[in-house]
């Protein structure tokens, strides 16, 4: 039987953040141009990366690094746009 540890639950939380934000985007409940979307995606990627420190998988590590980098770019762009619009 597989035993799940705290790092597994941290990873599951990260997966839940990424999947939930993408779902909310697809049903029109989240705006990808607002800072919350890339912030939650980045947080999810960080949590998954933490879980990978316990059970490493190279392919998952690489995709999460890209996910984190893209989320950081999106967050910076969203914050710049927000500051320009005065929100």
PDB file of N, CA and C in Angstrom:
ATOM      1  N   UNK A   1       0.844  -1.184   0.000  1.00  0.00           N
ATOM      2  CA  UNK A   1       0.000   0.000   0.000  1.00  0.00           C
ATOM      3  C   UNK A   1       0.893   1.252   0.000  1.00  0.00           C
ATOM      4  N   UNK A   2       0.496   2.233  -0.767  1.00  0.00           N
ATOM      5  CA  UNK A   2       1.267   3.466  -0.868  1.00  0.00           C
ATOM      6  C   UNK A   2       1.004   4.358   0.342  1.00  0.00           C
ATOM      7  N   UNK A   3       2.089   4.863   0.894  1.00  0.00           N
ATOM      8  CA  UNK A   3       1.983   5.769   2.043  1.00  0.00           C
ATOM      9  C   UNK A   3       2.199   7.199   1.557  1.00  0.00           C
ATOM     10  N   UNK A   4       1.299   8.081   1.918  1.00  0.00           N
ATOM     11  CA  UNK A   4       1.420   9.484   1.543  1.00  0.00           C
ATOM     12  C   UNK A   4       1.963  10.280   2.719  1.00  0.00           C
ATOM     13  N   UNK A   5       2.931  11.126   2.420  1.00  0.00           N
ATOM     14  CA  UNK A   5       3.514  11.966   3.454  1.00  0.00           C
ATOM     15  C   UNK A   5       3.086  13.412   3.284  1.00  0.00           C
ATOM     16  N   UNK A   6       3.611  14.264   4.133  1.00  0.00           N
ATOM     17  CA  UNK A   6       3.269  15.686   4.112  1.00  0.00           C
ATOM     18  C   UNK A   6       3.651  16.318   2.779  1.00  0.00           C
ATOM     19  N   UNK A   7       4.785  15.899   2.200  1.00  0.00           N
ATOM     20  CA  UNK A   7       5.183  16.495   0.922  1.00  0.00           C
ATOM     21  C   UNK A   7       4.220  16.112  -0.202  1.00  0.00           C
ATOM     22  N   UNK A   8       3.629  14.927  -0.106  1.00  0.00           N
ATOM     23  CA  UNK A   8       2.611  14.545  -1.090  1.00  0.00           C
ATOM     24  C   UNK A   8       1.398  15.465  -0.991  1.00  0.00           C
ATOM     25  N   UNK A   9       0.979  15.753   0.219  1.00  0.00           N
ATOM     26  CA  UNK A   9      -0.175  16.637   0.402  1.00  0.00           C
ATOM     27  C   UNK A   9       0.141  18.076  -0.030  1.00  0.00           C
ATOM     28  N   UNK A  10       1.385  18.493   0.168  1.00  0.00           N
ATOM     29  CA  UNK A  10       1.807  19.807  -0.326  1.00  0.00           C
ATOM     30  C   UNK A  10       1.711  19.823  -1.845  1.00  0.00           C
ATOM     31  N   UNK A  11       2.183  18.768  -2.488  1.00  0.00           N
ATOM     32  CA  UNK A  11       2.085  18.668  -3.946  1.00  0.00           C
ATOM     33  C   UNK A  11       0.650  18.638  -4.430  1.00  0.00           C
ATOM     34  N   UNK A  12      -0.209  17.882  -3.743  1.00  0.00           N
ATOM     35  CA  UNK A  12      -1.626  17.828  -4.114  1.00  0.00           C
ATOM     36  C   UNK A  12      -2.282  19.203  -3.998  1.00  0.00           C
ATOM     37  N   UNK A  13      -1.873  19.960  -3.002  1.00  0.00           N
ATOM     38  CA  UNK A  13      -2.400  21.322  -2.839  1.00  0.00           C
ATOM     39  C   UNK A  13      -1.972  22.182  -4.031  1.00  0.00           C
ATOM     40  N   UNK A  14      -0.722  22.033  -4.454  1.00  0.00           N
ATOM     41  CA  UNK A  14      -0.248  22.754  -5.629  1.00  0.00           C
ATOM     42  C   UNK A  14      -1.017  22.382  -6.884  1.00  0.00           C
ATOM     43  N   UNK A  15      -1.243  21.102  -7.065  1.00  0.00           N
ATOM     44  CA  UNK A  15      -2.023  20.634  -8.214  1.00  0.00           C
ATOM     45  C   UNK A  15      -3.435  21.222  -8.151  1.00  0.00           C
ATOM     46  N   UNK A  16      -4.039  21.209  -6.977  1.00  0.00           N
ATOM     47  CA  UNK A  16      -5.393  21.748  -6.819  1.00  0.00           C
ATOM     48  C   UNK A  16      -5.436  23.234  -7.184  1.00  0.00           C
ATOM     49  N   UNK A  17      -4.428  23.996  -6.778  1.00  0.00           N
ATOM     50  CA  UNK A  17      -4.390  25.429  -7.124  1.00  0.00           C
ATOM     51  C   UNK A  17      -4.326  25.630  -8.634  1.00  0.00           C
ATOM     52  N   UNK A  18      -3.444  24.895  -9.288  1.00  0.00           N
ATOM     53  CA  UNK A  18      -3.280  25.054 -10.734  1.00  0.00           C
ATOM     54  C   UNK A  18      -4.537  24.619 -11.481  1.00  0.00           C
ATOM     55  N   UNK A  19      -5.074  23.469 -11.129  1.00  0.00           N
ATOM     56  CA  UNK A  19      -6.265  22.960 -11.816  1.00  0.00           C
ATOM     57  C   UNK A  19      -7.469  23.858 -11.543  1.00  0.00           C
ATOM     58  N   UNK A  20      -7.628  24.293 -10.312  1.00  0.00           N
ATOM     59  CA  UNK A  20      -8.772  25.149  -9.969  1.00  0.00           C
ATOM     60  C   UNK A  20      -8.709  26.488 -10.692  1.00  0.00           C
ATOM     61  N   UNK A  21      -7.532  27.102 -10.741  1.00  0.00           N
ATOM     62  CA  UNK A  21      -7.441  28.395 -11.431  1.00  0.00           C
ATOM     63  C   UNK A  21      -7.691  28.238 -12.921  1.00  0.00           C
ATOM     64  N   UNK A  22      -7.184  27.157 -13.514  1.00  0.00           N
ATOM     65  CA  UNK A  22      -7.414  26.928 -14.941  1.00  0.00           C
ATOM     66  C   UNK A  22      -8.898  26.665 -15.201  1.00  0.00           C
ATOM     67  N   UNK A  23      -9.527  25.880 -14.353  1.00  0.00           N
ATOM     68  CA  UNK A  23     -10.960  25.625 -14.486  1.00  0.00           C
ATOM     69  C   UNK A  23     -11.752  26.925 -14.372  1.00  0.00           C
ATOM     70  N   UNK A  24     -11.440  27.722 -13.361  1.00  0.00           N
ATOM     71  CA  UNK A  24     -12.150  28.994 -13.176  1.00  0.00           C
ATOM     72  C   UNK A  24     -11.940  29.924 -14.362  1.00  0.00           C
ATOM     73  N   UNK A  25     -10.762  29.896 -14.950  1.00  0.00           N
ATOM     74  CA  UNK A  25     -10.501  30.686 -16.157  1.00  0.00           C
ATOM     75  C   UNK A  25     -11.402  30.207 -17.303  1.00  0.00           C
ATOM     76  N   UNK A  26     -11.489  28.909 -17.473  1.00  0.00           N
ATOM     77  CA  UNK A  26     -12.248  28.349 -18.589  1.00  0.00           C
ATOM     78  C   UNK A  26     -13.748  28.588 -18.470  1.00  0.00           C
ATOM     79  N   UNK A  27     -14.259  28.677 -17.263  1.00  0.00           N
ATOM     80  CA  UNK A  27     -15.696  28.928 -17.104  1.00  0.00           C
ATOM     81  C   UNK A  27     -16.005  30.414 -16.921  1.00  0.00           C
ATOM     82  N   UNK A  28     -14.991  31.246 -17.103  1.00  0.00           N
ATOM     83  CA  UNK A  28     -15.206  32.691 -17.059  1.00  0.00           C
ATOM     84  C   UNK A  28     -15.273  33.298 -15.678  1.00  0.00           C
ATOM     85  N   UNK A  29     -14.820  32.592 -14.666  1.00  0.00           N
ATOM     86  CA  UNK A  29     -14.864  33.105 -13.292  1.00  0.00           C
ATOM     87  C   UNK A  29     -13.544  33.710 -12.837  1.00  0.00           C
ATOM     88  N   UNK A  30     -12.519  33.639 -13.704  1.00  0.00           N
ATOM     89  CA  UNK A  30     -11.218  34.213 -13.362  1.00  0.00           C
ATOM     90  C   UNK A  30     -10.685  34.917 -14.596  1.00  0.00           C
ATOM     91  N   UNK A  31     -10.008  36.022 -14.366  1.00  0.00           N
ATOM     92  CA  UNK A  31      -9.432  36.827 -15.435  1.00  0.00           C
ATOM     93  C   UNK A  31      -7.922  36.621 -15.447  1.00  0.00           C
ATOM     94  N   UNK A  32      -7.409  36.075 -16.542  1.00  0.00           N
ATOM     95  CA  UNK A  32      -5.976  35.783 -16.638  1.00  0.00           C
ATOM     96  C   UNK A  32      -5.120  37.041 -16.652  1.00  0.00           C
ATOM     97  N   UNK A  33      -5.725  38.188 -16.929  1.00  0.00           N
ATOM     98  CA  UNK A  33      -4.945  39.430 -16.957  1.00  0.00           C
ATOM     99  C   UNK A  33      -4.810  40.070 -15.570  1.00  0.00           C
ATOM    100  N   UNK A  34      -5.517  39.545 -14.601  1.00  0.00           N
ATOM    101  CA  UNK A  34      -5.421  40.039 -13.218  1.00  0.00           C
ATOM    102  C   UNK A  34      -4.318  39.302 -12.477  1.00  0.00           C
ATOM    103  N   UNK A  35      -3.694  39.932 -11.488  1.00  0.00           N
ATOM    104  CA  UNK A  35      -2.566  39.310 -10.783  1.00  0.00           C
ATOM    105  C   UNK A  35      -2.887  37.991 -10.073  1.00  0.00           C
ATOM    106  N   UNK A  36      -4.129  37.779  -9.661  1.00  0.00           N
ATOM    107  CA  UNK A  36      -4.461  36.577  -8.901  1.00  0.00           C
ATOM    108  C   UNK A  36      -4.197  35.300  -9.693  1.00  0.00           C
ATOM    109  N   UNK A  37      -4.504  35.301 -10.981  1.00  0.00           N
ATOM    110  CA  UNK A  37      -4.344  34.093 -11.791  1.00  0.00           C
ATOM    111  C   UNK A  37      -2.887  33.620 -11.831  1.00  0.00           C
ATOM    112  N   UNK A  38      -1.944  34.449 -12.275  1.00  0.00           N
ATOM    113  CA  UNK A  38      -0.560  33.958 -12.286  1.00  0.00           C
ATOM    114  C   UNK A  38       0.012  33.743 -10.880  1.00  0.00           C
ATOM    115  N   UNK A  39      -0.472  34.490  -9.901  1.00  0.00           N
ATOM    116  CA  UNK A  39       0.012  34.300  -8.531  1.00  0.00           C
ATOM    117  C   UNK A  39      -0.376  32.911  -8.011  1.00  0.00           C
ATOM    118  N   UNK A  40      -1.616  32.507  -8.239  1.00  0.00           N
ATOM    119  CA  UNK A  40      -2.055  31.185  -7.788  1.00  0.00           C
ATOM    120  C   UNK A  40      -1.362  30.075  -8.564  1.00  0.00           C
ATOM    121  N   UNK A  41      -1.160  30.288  -9.865  1.00  0.00           N
ATOM    122  CA  UNK A  41      -0.438  29.298 -10.663  1.00  0.00           C
ATOM    123  C   UNK A  41       1.004  29.163 -10.189  1.00  0.00           C
ATOM    124  N   UNK A  42       1.644  30.274  -9.907  1.00  0.00           N
ATOM    125  CA  UNK A  42       3.009  30.236  -9.404  1.00  0.00           C
ATOM    126  C   UNK A  42       3.097  29.563  -8.049  1.00  0.00           C
ATOM    127  N   UNK A  43       2.144  29.860  -7.188  1.00  0.00           N
ATOM    128  CA  UNK A  43       2.117  29.214  -5.873  1.00  0.00           C
ATOM    129  C   UNK A  43       1.936  27.705  -6.021  1.00  0.00           C
ATOM    130  N   UNK A  44       1.073  27.315  -6.937  1.00  0.00           N
ATOM    131  CA  UNK A  44       0.873  25.887  -7.190  1.00  0.00           C
ATOM    132  C   UNK A  44       2.150  25.222  -7.669  1.00  0.00           C
ATOM    133  N   UNK A  45       2.863  25.878  -8.577  1.00  0.00           N
ATOM    134  CA  UNK A  45       4.122  25.329  -9.080  1.00  0.00           C
ATOM    135  C   UNK A  45       5.151  25.200  -7.953  1.00  0.00           C
ATOM    136  N   UNK A  46       5.217  26.199  -7.093  1.00  0.00           N
ATOM    137  CA  UNK A  46       6.156  26.135  -5.963  1.00  0.00           C
ATOM    138  C   UNK A  46       5.820  24.956  -5.049  1.00  0.00           C
ATOM    139  N   UNK A  47       4.546  24.770  -4.765  1.00  0.00           N
ATOM    140  CA  UNK A  47       4.153  23.658  -3.899  1.00  0.00           C
ATOM    141  C   UNK A  47       4.490  22.306  -4.534  1.00  0.00           C
ATOM    142  N   UNK A  48       4.283  22.196  -5.831  1.00  0.00           N
ATOM    143  CA  UNK A  48       4.640  20.948  -6.516  1.00  0.00           C
ATOM    144  C   UNK A  48       6.153  20.744  -6.488  1.00  0.00           C
ATOM    145  N   UNK A  49       6.919  21.816  -6.694  1.00  0.00           N
ATOM    146  CA  UNK A  49       8.378  21.706  -6.619  1.00  0.00           C
ATOM    147  C   UNK A  49       8.832  21.256  -5.232  1.00  0.00           C
ATOM    148  N   UNK A  50       8.167  21.744  -4.193  1.00  0.00           N
ATOM    149  CA  UNK A  50       8.497  21.306  -2.835  1.00  0.00           C
ATOM    150  C   UNK A  50       8.259  19.800  -2.705  1.00  0.00           C
ATOM    151  N   UNK A  51       7.135  19.335  -3.248  1.00  0.00           N
ATOM    152  CA  UNK A  51       6.844  17.902  -3.151  1.00  0.00           C
ATOM    153  C   UNK A  51       7.856  17.077  -3.936  1.00  0.00           C
ATOM    154  N   UNK A  52       8.402  17.643  -4.997  1.00  0.00           N
ATOM    155  CA  UNK A  52       9.382  16.919  -5.801  1.00  0.00           C
ATOM    156  C   UNK A  52      10.730  16.786  -5.091  1.00  0.00           C
ATOM    157  N   UNK A  53      10.958  17.579  -4.075  1.00  0.00           N
ATOM    158  CA  UNK A  53      12.198  17.419  -3.300  1.00  0.00           C
ATOM    159  C   UNK A  53      12.197  16.083  -2.560  1.00  0.00           C
ATOM    160  N   UNK A  54      11.019  15.575  -2.263  1.00  0.00           N
ATOM    161  CA  UNK A  54      10.908  14.294  -1.554  1.00  0.00           C
ATOM    162  C   UNK A  54      10.949  13.125  -2.543  1.00  0.00           C
ATOM    163  N   UNK A  55      10.155  13.213  -3.583  1.00  0.00           N
ATOM    164  CA  UNK A  55      10.117  12.172  -4.617  1.00  0.00           C
ATOM    165  C   UNK A  55      10.410  12.846  -5.947  1.00  0.00           C
ATOM    166  N   UNK A  56      11.674  12.844  -6.346  1.00  0.00           N
ATOM    167  CA  UNK A  56      12.106  13.600  -7.521  1.00  0.00           C
ATOM    168  C   UNK A  56      11.696  12.904  -8.807  1.00  0.00           C
ATOM    169  N   UNK A  57      11.251  13.731  -9.758  1.00  0.00           N
ATOM    170  CA  UNK A  57      10.949  13.290 -11.113  1.00  0.00           C
ATOM    171  C   UNK A  57      11.436  14.405 -12.029  1.00  0.00           C
ATOM    172  N   UNK A  58      12.404  14.108 -12.861  1.00  0.00           N
ATOM    173  CA  UNK A  58      13.056  15.143 -13.676  1.00  0.00           C
ATOM    174  C   UNK A  58      12.079  15.860 -14.598  1.00  0.00           C
ATOM    175  N   UNK A  59      11.222  15.127 -15.266  1.00  0.00           N
ATOM    176  CA  UNK A  59      10.278  15.753 -16.201  1.00  0.00           C
ATOM    177  C   UNK A  59       9.311  16.677 -15.461  1.00  0.00           C
ATOM    178  N   UNK A  60       8.813  16.241 -14.339  1.00  0.00           N
ATOM    179  CA  UNK A  60       7.908  17.077 -13.548  1.00  0.00           C
ATOM    180  C   UNK A  60       8.624  18.312 -13.032  1.00  0.00           C
ATOM    181  N   UNK A  61       9.873  18.154 -12.629  1.00  0.00           N
ATOM    182  CA  UNK A  61      10.667  19.276 -12.142  1.00  0.00           C
ATOM    183  C   UNK A  61      10.820  20.330 -13.238  1.00  0.00           C
ATOM    184  N   UNK A  62      11.148  19.894 -14.448  1.00  0.00           N
ATOM    185  CA  UNK A  62      11.350  20.831 -15.567  1.00  0.00           C
ATOM    186  C   UNK A  62      10.055  21.564 -15.903  1.00  0.00           C
ATOM    187  N   UNK A  63       8.943  20.848 -15.998  1.00  0.00           N
ATOM    188  CA  UNK A  63       7.682  21.508 -16.358  1.00  0.00           C
ATOM    189  C   UNK A  63       7.273  22.499 -15.277  1.00  0.00           C
ATOM    190  N   UNK A  64       7.511  22.177 -14.020  1.00  0.00           N
ATOM    191  CA  UNK A  64       7.141  23.098 -12.945  1.00  0.00           C
ATOM    192  C   UNK A  64       8.044  24.326 -12.922  1.00  0.00           C
ATOM    193  N   UNK A  65       9.315  24.172 -13.287  1.00  0.00           N
ATOM    194  CA  UNK A  65      10.184  25.351 -13.410  1.00  0.00           C
ATOM    195  C   UNK A  65       9.672  26.286 -14.498  1.00  0.00           C
ATOM    196  N   UNK A  66       9.283  25.705 -15.640  1.00  0.00           N
ATOM    197  CA  UNK A  66       8.712  26.529 -16.710  1.00  0.00           C
ATOM    198  C   UNK A  66       7.405  27.168 -16.266  1.00  0.00           C
ATOM    199  N   UNK A  67       6.553  26.388 -15.580  1.00  0.00           N
ATOM    200  CA  UNK A  67       5.259  26.902 -15.101  1.00  0.00           C
ATOM    201  C   UNK A  67       5.480  28.083 -14.151  1.00  0.00           C
ATOM    202  N   UNK A  68       6.474  27.949 -13.280  1.00  0.00           N
ATOM    203  CA  UNK A  68       6.791  29.011 -12.332  1.00  0.00           C
ATOM    204  C   UNK A  68       7.326  30.249 -13.054  1.00  0.00           C
ATOM    205  N   UNK A  69       8.216  30.058 -14.014  1.00  0.00           N
ATOM    206  CA  UNK A  69       8.784  31.185 -14.760  1.00  0.00           C
ATOM    207  C   UNK A  69       7.705  31.916 -15.557  1.00  0.00           C
ATOM    208  N   UNK A  70       6.853  31.164 -16.224  1.00  0.00           N
ATOM    209  CA  UNK A  70       5.773  31.783 -17.002  1.00  0.00           C
ATOM    210  C   UNK A  70       4.797  32.506 -16.080  1.00  0.00           C
ATOM    211  N   UNK A  71       4.505  31.923 -14.941  1.00  0.00           N
ATOM    212  CA  UNK A  71       3.619  32.578 -13.973  1.00  0.00           C
ATOM    213  C   UNK A  71       4.232  33.871 -13.451  1.00  0.00           C
ATOM    214  N   UNK A  72       5.546  33.856 -13.220  1.00  0.00           N
ATOM    215  CA  UNK A  72       6.223  35.071 -12.754  1.00  0.00           C
ATOM    216  C   UNK A  72       6.136  36.176 -13.804  1.00  0.00           C
ATOM    217  N   UNK A  73       6.327  35.823 -15.063  1.00  0.00           N
ATOM    218  CA  UNK A  73       6.194  36.802 -16.150  1.00  0.00           C
ATOM    219  C   UNK A  73       4.772  37.353 -16.181  1.00  0.00           C
ATOM    220  N   UNK A  74       3.787  36.468 -16.089  1.00  0.00           N
ATOM    221  CA  UNK A  74       2.385  36.899 -16.096  1.00  0.00           C
ATOM    222  C   UNK A  74       2.056  37.791 -14.914  1.00  0.00           C
ATOM    223  N   UNK A  75       2.602  37.470 -13.756  1.00  0.00           N
ATOM    224  CA  UNK A  75       2.345  38.283 -12.561  1.00  0.00           C
ATOM    225  C   UNK A  75       2.940  39.673 -12.716  1.00  0.00           C
ATOM    226  N   UNK A  76       4.168  39.746 -13.196  1.00  0.00           N
ATOM    227  CA  UNK A  76       4.799  41.053 -13.400  1.00  0.00           C
ATOM    228  C   UNK A  76       4.004  41.872 -14.417  1.00  0.00           C
ATOM    229  N   UNK A  77       3.615  41.249 -15.507  1.00  0.00           N
ATOM    230  CA  UNK A  77       2.823  41.971 -16.527  1.00  0.00           C
ATOM    231  C   UNK A  77       1.486  42.459 -15.963  1.00  0.00           C
ATOM    232  N   UNK A  78       0.827  41.619 -15.172  1.00  0.00           N
ATOM    233  CA  UNK A  78      -0.465  41.981 -14.579  1.00  0.00           C
ATOM    234  C   UNK A  78      -0.300  43.128 -13.584  1.00  0.00           C
ATOM    235  N   UNK A  79       0.762  43.105 -12.808  1.00  0.00           N
ATOM    236  CA  UNK A  79       1.000  44.182 -11.836  1.00  0.00           C
ATOM    237  C   UNK A  79       1.346  45.488 -12.528  1.00  0.00           C
ATOM    238  N   UNK A  80       2.123  45.411 -13.603  1.00  0.00           N
ATOM    239  CA  UNK A  80       2.451  46.627 -14.374  1.00  0.00           C
ATOM    240  C   UNK A  80       1.184  47.202 -14.991  1.00  0.00           C
ATOM    241  N   UNK A  81       0.359  46.345 -15.588  1.00  0.00           N
ATOM    242  CA  UNK A  81      -0.888  46.818 -16.197  1.00  0.00           C
ATOM    243  C   UNK A  81      -1.804  47.428 -15.149  1.00  0.00           C
ATOM    244  N   UNK A  82      -1.841  46.820 -13.976  1.00  0.00           N
ATOM    245  CA  UNK A  82      -2.683  47.330 -12.898  1.00  0.00           C
ATOM    246  C   UNK A  82      -2.205  48.689 -12.427  1.00  0.00           C
ATOM    247  N   UNK A  83      -0.897  48.861 -12.308  1.00  0.00           N
ATOM    248  CA  UNK A  83      -0.376  50.147 -11.856  1.00  0.00           C
ATOM    249  C   UNK A  83      -0.603  51.252 -12.881  1.00  0.00           C
ATOM    250  N   UNK A  84      -0.594  50.886 -14.164  1.00  0.00           N
ATOM    251  CA  UNK A  84      -0.844  51.863 -15.225  1.00  0.00           C
ATOM    252  C   UNK A  84      -2.303  52.280 -15.286  1.00  0.00           C
ATOM    253  N   UNK A  85      -3.202  51.336 -14.931  1.00  0.00           N
ATOM    254  CA  UNK A  85      -4.634  51.659 -14.990  1.00  0.00           C
ATOM    255  C   UNK A  85      -5.133  52.327 -13.716  1.00  0.00           C
ATOM    256  N   UNK A  86      -4.326  52.298 -12.664  1.00  0.00           N
ATOM    257  CA  UNK A  86      -4.699  52.951 -11.418  1.00  0.00           C
ATOM    258  C   UNK A  86      -5.614  52.141 -10.535  1.00  0.00           C
ATOM    259  N   UNK A  87      -5.738  50.805 -10.775  1.00  0.00           N
ATOM    260  CA  UNK A  87      -6.592  49.943  -9.944  1.00  0.00           C
ATOM    261  C   UNK A  87      -6.017  49.733  -8.586  1.00  0.00           C
TER     262      UNK A  87
END
